[in-house]
Amino acid sequence: MTPGRIGLVRKAGIAARAWFWFLTVHLWLLRDDLPGVVARLSRVTGSRRSVPPVRLGRGVFKALRVGPVRPRCLSNALVFYRLLREQGERPELVIGLPVEARTIDAHAWVEIGGVDVGPPPGRGAHQELARFG
């Protein structure tokens, strides 16, 4: 295997965890508000082997787009947030609107140390409204 590449077994593990957390997040959002869900996702013990954040974000995005399911950006970002926490990172969930918003359709992405790490498409041309983490 080439340095920097992620093996198939590890990719499958990431995909399985992404789907587990996607289903968990979906259920939690039915019963709790966003700050409460983020707080629950933040409770992590131990640490997993690290995958570079941008690569992990792309993996989460791809894994959750299997089949007819097309999760919203909030679900993608919350799953990504959790997997980053499992790696020992200190991510922040960011919610924003387009710079020249004509609707109130918000967008969610994740940042580490103020840097957008995804999941795709990341921040794009959105202005921050709220930050959780």
N, C-alpha and C. Protein backbone atom coordinates (compact mmCIF):
# COMPACT_ATOMS: atom_id res chain seq x y z
N MET A 1 0.85 -1.18 0.00
CA MET A 1 0.00 0.00 0.00
C MET A 1 0.89 1.24 0.00
N THR A 2 0.53 2.23 -0.78
CA THR A 2 1.27 3.48 -0.89
C THR A 2 1.08 4.31 0.37
N PRO A 3 2.17 4.99 0.85
CA PRO A 3 2.01 5.86 2.03
C PRO A 3 0.89 6.88 1.80
N GLY A 4 0.11 7.09 2.83
CA GLY A 4 -0.98 8.07 2.73
C GLY A 4 -2.28 7.47 2.22
N ARG A 5 -2.22 6.23 1.72
CA ARG A 5 -3.44 5.58 1.23
C ARG A 5 -4.13 4.87 2.39
N ILE A 6 -5.43 4.74 2.27
CA ILE A 6 -6.22 4.07 3.30
C ILE A 6 -6.70 2.75 2.70
N GLY A 7 -6.44 1.66 3.41
CA GLY A 7 -6.83 0.34 2.93
C GLY A 7 -8.33 0.14 2.89
N LEU A 8 -8.75 -0.86 2.14
CA LEU A 8 -10.16 -1.15 1.95
C LEU A 8 -10.86 -1.50 3.27
N VAL A 9 -10.20 -2.26 4.13
CA VAL A 9 -10.81 -2.63 5.41
C VAL A 9 -11.03 -1.38 6.26
N ARG A 10 -10.05 -0.50 6.27
CA ARG A 10 -10.19 0.74 7.06
C ARG A 10 -11.29 1.63 6.47
N LYS A 11 -11.35 1.71 5.15
CA LYS A 11 -12.43 2.49 4.51
C LYS A 11 -13.79 1.93 4.87
N ALA A 12 -13.91 0.61 4.88
CA ALA A 12 -15.18 -0.03 5.24
C ALA A 12 -15.54 0.28 6.69
N GLY A 13 -14.55 0.31 7.56
CA GLY A 13 -14.78 0.65 8.97
C GLY A 13 -15.27 2.08 9.12
N ILE A 14 -14.66 2.98 8.38
CA ILE A 14 -15.09 4.39 8.42
C ILE A 14 -16.52 4.51 7.91
N ALA A 15 -16.82 3.82 6.81
CA ALA A 15 -18.17 3.86 6.25
C ALA A 15 -19.20 3.31 7.24
N ALA A 16 -18.85 2.21 7.90
CA ALA A 16 -19.78 1.61 8.87
C ALA A 16 -20.02 2.56 10.04
N ARG A 17 -18.96 3.19 10.54
CA ARG A 17 -19.13 4.15 11.64
C ARG A 17 -19.92 5.37 11.17
N ALA A 18 -19.68 5.80 9.93
CA ALA A 18 -20.44 6.95 9.39
C ALA A 18 -21.92 6.63 9.36
N TRP A 19 -22.29 5.44 8.90
CA TRP A 19 -23.71 5.07 8.85
C TRP A 19 -24.30 4.90 10.25
N PHE A 20 -23.54 4.33 11.17
CA PHE A 20 -24.02 4.21 12.54
C PHE A 20 -24.34 5.60 13.10
N TRP A 21 -23.40 6.53 12.94
CA TRP A 21 -23.59 7.87 13.49
C TRP A 21 -24.66 8.64 12.72
N PHE A 22 -24.81 8.38 11.44
CA PHE A 22 -25.88 9.02 10.67
C PHE A 22 -27.25 8.64 11.25
N LEU A 23 -27.45 7.35 11.49
CA LEU A 23 -28.72 6.90 12.05
C LEU A 23 -28.92 7.43 13.47
N THR A 24 -27.86 7.43 14.26
CA THR A 24 -27.93 7.94 15.62
C THR A 24 -28.27 9.43 15.63
N VAL A 25 -27.59 10.20 14.79
CA VAL A 25 -27.83 11.65 14.69
C VAL A 25 -29.27 11.90 14.28
N HIS A 26 -29.75 11.14 13.31
CA HIS A 26 -31.13 11.32 12.84
C HIS A 26 -32.11 11.13 14.00
N LEU A 27 -31.92 10.09 14.80
CA LEU A 27 -32.81 9.85 15.94
C LEU A 27 -32.66 10.93 17.01
N TRP A 28 -31.45 11.32 17.30
CA TRP A 28 -31.23 12.35 18.32
C TRP A 28 -31.85 13.69 17.92
N LEU A 29 -31.77 14.04 16.63
CA LEU A 29 -32.35 15.31 16.18
C LEU A 29 -33.87 15.33 16.29
N LEU A 30 -34.49 14.16 16.32
CA LEU A 30 -35.94 14.09 16.50
C LEU A 30 -36.33 14.42 17.94
N ARG A 31 -35.39 14.21 18.89
CA ARG A 31 -35.71 14.36 20.31
C ARG A 31 -35.00 15.51 21.00
N ASP A 32 -34.02 16.11 20.36
CA ASP A 32 -33.19 17.09 21.05
C ASP A 32 -32.88 18.25 20.10
N ASP A 33 -32.47 19.39 20.68
CA ASP A 33 -32.08 20.53 19.85
C ASP A 33 -30.62 20.36 19.41
N LEU A 34 -30.19 21.19 18.47
CA LEU A 34 -28.86 21.07 17.90
C LEU A 34 -27.75 21.18 18.95
N PRO A 35 -27.78 22.16 19.86
CA PRO A 35 -26.71 22.20 20.87
C PRO A 35 -26.65 20.92 21.71
N GLY A 36 -27.80 20.34 22.01
CA GLY A 36 -27.83 19.10 22.78
C GLY A 36 -27.22 17.94 22.01
N VAL A 37 -27.52 17.85 20.72
CA VAL A 37 -26.96 16.78 19.89
C VAL A 37 -25.45 16.94 19.78
N VAL A 38 -24.98 18.16 19.56
CA VAL A 38 -23.54 18.40 19.46
C VAL A 38 -22.86 18.02 20.78
N ALA A 39 -23.47 18.36 21.90
CA ALA A 39 -22.90 18.01 23.20
C ALA A 39 -22.80 16.49 23.35
N ARG A 40 -23.82 15.78 22.92
CA ARG A 40 -23.79 14.31 23.01
C ARG A 40 -22.72 13.73 22.10
N LEU A 41 -22.58 14.29 20.90
CA LEU A 41 -21.56 13.81 19.97
C LEU A 41 -20.15 14.11 20.45
N SER A 42 -20.01 15.09 21.32
CA SER A 42 -18.69 15.49 21.82
C SER A 42 -18.15 14.55 22.89
N ARG A 43 -19.03 13.78 23.49
CA ARG A 43 -18.61 12.88 24.58
C ARG A 43 -17.93 11.64 23.99
N VAL A 44 -16.62 11.67 23.99
CA VAL A 44 -15.84 10.58 23.41
C VAL A 44 -14.79 10.13 24.42
N THR A 45 -14.63 8.82 24.55
CA THR A 45 -13.55 8.30 25.38
C THR A 45 -12.60 7.54 24.46
N GLY A 46 -11.33 7.63 24.72
CA GLY A 46 -10.36 6.96 23.87
C GLY A 46 -10.13 7.73 22.58
N SER A 47 -9.35 7.11 21.71
CA SER A 47 -9.02 7.76 20.44
C SER A 47 -8.74 6.71 19.38
N ARG A 48 -9.16 6.97 18.17
CA ARG A 48 -8.93 6.07 17.04
C ARG A 48 -7.72 6.55 16.24
N ARG A 49 -7.22 5.67 15.38
CA ARG A 49 -6.13 6.07 14.48
C ARG A 49 -6.61 7.23 13.62
N SER A 50 -5.71 8.12 13.37
CA SER A 50 -6.06 9.36 12.69
C SER A 50 -6.04 9.22 11.16
N VAL A 51 -7.04 9.82 10.54
CA VAL A 51 -7.10 10.00 9.09
C VAL A 51 -7.09 11.51 8.89
N PRO A 52 -6.32 12.03 7.93
CA PRO A 52 -6.32 13.48 7.72
C PRO A 52 -7.75 14.00 7.60
N PRO A 53 -8.07 15.10 8.29
CA PRO A 53 -9.45 15.59 8.33
C PRO A 53 -10.13 15.77 6.96
N VAL A 54 -9.44 16.36 6.01
CA VAL A 54 -10.08 16.59 4.70
C VAL A 54 -10.39 15.26 4.03
N ARG A 55 -9.48 14.30 4.14
CA ARG A 55 -9.71 12.97 3.56
C ARG A 55 -10.87 12.27 4.26
N LEU A 56 -10.91 12.38 5.59
CA LEU A 56 -12.02 11.79 6.35
C LEU A 56 -13.34 12.42 5.94
N GLY A 57 -13.36 13.73 5.75
CA GLY A 57 -14.58 14.42 5.32
C GLY A 57 -15.08 13.91 3.98
N ARG A 58 -14.16 13.72 3.04
CA ARG A 58 -14.55 13.18 1.73
C ARG A 58 -15.09 11.76 1.88
N GLY A 59 -14.47 10.98 2.79
CA GLY A 59 -14.93 9.61 3.02
C GLY A 59 -16.33 9.56 3.59
N VAL A 60 -16.61 10.42 4.56
CA VAL A 60 -17.95 10.50 5.14
C VAL A 60 -18.95 10.89 4.07
N PHE A 61 -18.63 11.92 3.29
CA PHE A 61 -19.52 12.40 2.24
C PHE A 61 -19.85 11.27 1.26
N LYS A 62 -18.83 10.53 0.82
CA LYS A 62 -19.03 9.43 -0.14
C LYS A 62 -19.82 8.28 0.49
N ALA A 63 -19.47 7.92 1.71
CA ALA A 63 -20.12 6.78 2.37
C ALA A 63 -21.62 7.02 2.55
N LEU A 64 -21.98 8.25 2.90
CA LEU A 64 -23.39 8.55 3.16
C LEU A 64 -24.20 8.80 1.89
N ARG A 65 -23.55 8.78 0.74
CA ARG A 65 -24.25 8.99 -0.52
C ARG A 65 -24.46 7.67 -1.28
N VAL A 66 -24.35 6.55 -0.60
CA VAL A 66 -24.55 5.25 -1.21
C VAL A 66 -26.05 5.01 -1.36
N GLY A 67 -26.44 4.54 -2.52
CA GLY A 67 -27.86 4.26 -2.75
C GLY A 67 -28.66 5.54 -2.94
N PRO A 68 -29.97 5.48 -2.67
CA PRO A 68 -30.83 6.63 -2.93
C PRO A 68 -30.77 7.72 -1.85
N VAL A 69 -30.06 7.46 -0.75
CA VAL A 69 -30.00 8.42 0.36
C VAL A 69 -29.09 9.58 -0.01
N ARG A 70 -29.57 10.80 0.23
CA ARG A 70 -28.77 12.01 0.03
C ARG A 70 -28.93 12.87 1.27
N PRO A 71 -28.12 12.57 2.30
CA PRO A 71 -28.26 13.31 3.56
C PRO A 71 -28.04 14.81 3.38
N ARG A 72 -28.69 15.57 4.20
CA ARG A 72 -28.52 17.02 4.21
C ARG A 72 -27.14 17.34 4.77
N CYS A 73 -26.69 18.56 4.52
CA CYS A 73 -25.36 18.97 4.97
C CYS A 73 -25.23 18.90 6.49
N LEU A 74 -26.30 19.16 7.22
CA LEU A 74 -26.23 19.11 8.68
C LEU A 74 -25.91 17.70 9.16
N SER A 75 -26.58 16.70 8.60
CA SER A 75 -26.30 15.32 8.98
C SER A 75 -24.86 14.94 8.64
N ASN A 76 -24.42 15.28 7.43
CA ASN A 76 -23.03 15.00 7.03
C ASN A 76 -22.05 15.65 8.00
N ALA A 77 -22.28 16.90 8.32
CA ALA A 77 -21.37 17.64 9.18
C ALA A 77 -21.36 17.07 10.60
N LEU A 78 -22.52 16.67 11.11
CA LEU A 78 -22.57 16.11 12.46
C LEU A 78 -21.86 14.76 12.55
N VAL A 79 -22.01 13.93 11.53
CA VAL A 79 -21.30 12.65 11.49
C VAL A 79 -19.79 12.90 11.41
N PHE A 80 -19.39 13.80 10.54
CA PHE A 80 -17.98 14.15 10.39
C PHE A 80 -17.42 14.70 11.70
N TYR A 81 -18.19 15.56 12.33
CA TYR A 81 -17.80 16.13 13.63
C TYR A 81 -17.50 15.00 14.62
N ARG A 82 -18.39 14.02 14.71
CA ARG A 82 -18.22 12.91 15.65
C ARG A 82 -16.96 12.10 15.33
N LEU A 83 -16.75 11.78 14.06
CA LEU A 83 -15.59 10.97 13.70
C LEU A 83 -14.29 11.72 13.97
N LEU A 84 -14.30 13.03 13.79
CA LEU A 84 -13.12 13.83 14.14
C LEU A 84 -12.88 13.80 15.64
N ARG A 85 -13.97 13.90 16.42
CA ARG A 85 -13.83 13.83 17.89
C ARG A 85 -13.23 12.48 18.29
N GLU A 86 -13.64 11.41 17.63
CA GLU A 86 -13.11 10.08 17.93
C GLU A 86 -11.60 10.00 17.68
N GLN A 87 -11.09 10.83 16.79
CA GLN A 87 -9.66 10.87 16.48
C GLN A 87 -8.90 11.79 17.42
N GLY A 88 -9.60 12.44 18.34
CA GLY A 88 -8.94 13.33 19.27
C GLY A 88 -8.84 14.77 18.80
N GLU A 89 -9.48 15.08 17.68
CA GLU A 89 -9.50 16.45 17.16
C GLU A 89 -10.49 17.29 17.97
N ARG A 90 -10.40 18.60 17.82
CA ARG A 90 -11.33 19.55 18.47
C ARG A 90 -12.07 20.33 17.39
N PRO A 91 -12.97 19.67 16.67
CA PRO A 91 -13.70 20.35 15.59
C PRO A 91 -14.79 21.26 16.13
N GLU A 92 -15.25 22.15 15.27
CA GLU A 92 -16.42 22.98 15.57
C GLU A 92 -17.39 22.86 14.42
N LEU A 93 -18.66 22.68 14.75
CA LEU A 93 -19.73 22.68 13.76
C LEU A 93 -20.11 24.12 13.50
N VAL A 94 -20.17 24.51 12.24
CA VAL A 94 -20.50 25.88 11.89
C VAL A 94 -21.75 25.87 11.00
N ILE A 95 -22.67 26.78 11.30
CA ILE A 95 -23.89 26.95 10.52
C ILE A 95 -23.83 28.34 9.90
N GLY A 96 -24.17 28.44 8.62
CA GLY A 96 -24.12 29.74 7.97
C GLY A 96 -25.11 29.87 6.84
N LEU A 97 -25.17 31.08 6.31
CA LEU A 97 -26.03 31.40 5.16
C LEU A 97 -25.16 31.93 4.03
N PRO A 98 -25.64 31.81 2.78
CA PRO A 98 -24.89 32.42 1.68
C PRO A 98 -24.70 33.91 1.95
N VAL A 99 -23.60 34.45 1.44
CA VAL A 99 -23.27 35.86 1.66
C VAL A 99 -24.42 36.76 1.22
N GLU A 100 -24.99 36.50 0.07
CA GLU A 100 -26.13 37.29 -0.41
C GLU A 100 -27.38 36.41 -0.41
N ALA A 101 -27.76 35.97 0.78
CA ALA A 101 -28.87 35.02 0.92
C ALA A 101 -30.19 35.63 0.45
N ARG A 102 -30.91 34.82 -0.32
CA ARG A 102 -32.26 35.21 -0.75
C ARG A 102 -33.30 34.34 -0.06
N THR A 103 -32.83 33.29 0.62
CA THR A 103 -33.71 32.41 1.39
C THR A 103 -33.07 32.21 2.76
N ILE A 104 -33.73 31.45 3.60
CA ILE A 104 -33.16 31.16 4.92
C ILE A 104 -32.61 29.73 4.96
N ASP A 105 -32.27 29.18 3.80
CA ASP A 105 -31.68 27.85 3.73
C ASP A 105 -30.24 27.91 4.23
N ALA A 106 -30.01 27.36 5.41
CA ALA A 106 -28.69 27.38 6.02
C ALA A 106 -27.83 26.23 5.50
N HIS A 107 -26.54 26.32 5.78
CA HIS A 107 -25.58 25.30 5.38
C HIS A 107 -24.70 24.98 6.60
N ALA A 108 -24.23 23.75 6.70
CA ALA A 108 -23.39 23.33 7.82
C ALA A 108 -22.07 22.77 7.31
N TRP A 109 -21.00 23.06 8.03
CA TRP A 109 -19.68 22.51 7.73
C TRP A 109 -18.90 22.42 9.03
N VAL A 110 -17.70 21.87 8.96
CA VAL A 110 -16.86 21.67 10.15
C VAL A 110 -15.54 22.40 9.97
N GLU A 111 -15.09 23.01 11.05
CA GLU A 111 -13.79 23.68 11.05
C GLU A 111 -12.95 23.15 12.20
N ILE A 112 -11.64 23.15 11.98
CA ILE A 112 -10.67 22.86 13.04
C ILE A 112 -9.72 24.05 13.10
N GLY A 113 -9.66 24.69 14.25
CA GLY A 113 -8.79 25.86 14.39
C GLY A 113 -9.14 26.97 13.42
N GLY A 114 -10.43 27.11 13.09
CA GLY A 114 -10.87 28.16 12.18
C GLY A 114 -10.68 27.85 10.71
N VAL A 115 -10.22 26.63 10.38
CA VAL A 115 -10.00 26.22 8.99
C VAL A 115 -11.08 25.23 8.58
N ASP A 116 -11.74 25.51 7.46
CA ASP A 116 -12.78 24.63 6.90
C ASP A 116 -12.13 23.30 6.49
N VAL A 117 -12.65 22.19 7.05
CA VAL A 117 -12.14 20.87 6.69
C VAL A 117 -13.21 20.01 6.02
N GLY A 118 -14.40 20.55 5.79
CA GLY A 118 -15.43 19.82 5.07
C GLY A 118 -16.62 19.51 5.96
N PRO A 119 -17.38 18.51 5.66
CA PRO A 119 -17.28 17.68 4.46
C PRO A 119 -17.65 18.49 3.22
N PRO A 120 -17.32 17.95 2.03
CA PRO A 120 -17.61 18.71 0.81
C PRO A 120 -19.08 19.14 0.77
N PRO A 121 -19.39 20.33 0.34
CA PRO A 121 -18.53 21.33 -0.27
C PRO A 121 -17.90 22.28 0.74
N GLY A 122 -18.03 22.01 2.03
CA GLY A 122 -17.43 22.89 3.02
C GLY A 122 -18.13 24.23 3.09
N ARG A 123 -17.40 25.23 3.52
CA ARG A 123 -17.97 26.57 3.74
C ARG A 123 -18.50 27.21 2.46
N GLY A 124 -17.76 27.07 1.40
CA GLY A 124 -18.16 27.73 0.16
C GLY A 124 -18.26 29.22 0.37
N ALA A 125 -19.33 29.83 -0.11
CA ALA A 125 -19.54 31.28 0.00
C ALA A 125 -20.56 31.58 1.09
N HIS A 126 -20.43 30.93 2.23
CA HIS A 126 -21.38 31.12 3.33
C HIS A 126 -20.75 31.91 4.47
N GLN A 127 -21.59 32.73 5.11
CA GLN A 127 -21.19 33.50 6.27
C GLN A 127 -21.64 32.78 7.53
N GLU A 128 -20.78 32.74 8.52
CA GLU A 128 -21.09 32.06 9.76
C GLU A 128 -22.22 32.76 10.52
N LEU A 129 -23.16 31.96 11.03
CA LEU A 129 -24.22 32.44 11.90
C LEU A 129 -24.07 31.89 13.31
N ALA A 130 -23.64 30.63 13.41
CA ALA A 130 -23.53 29.97 14.71
C ALA A 130 -22.39 28.97 14.67
N ARG A 131 -21.83 28.73 15.84
CA ARG A 131 -20.69 27.81 15.98
C ARG A 131 -20.92 26.96 17.23
N PHE A 132 -20.72 25.65 17.09
CA PHE A 132 -20.92 24.71 18.19
C PHE A 132 -19.68 23.84 18.31
N GLY A 133 -19.30 23.52 19.52
CA GLY A 133 -18.20 22.61 19.64
C GLY A 133 -17.58 22.65 20.96
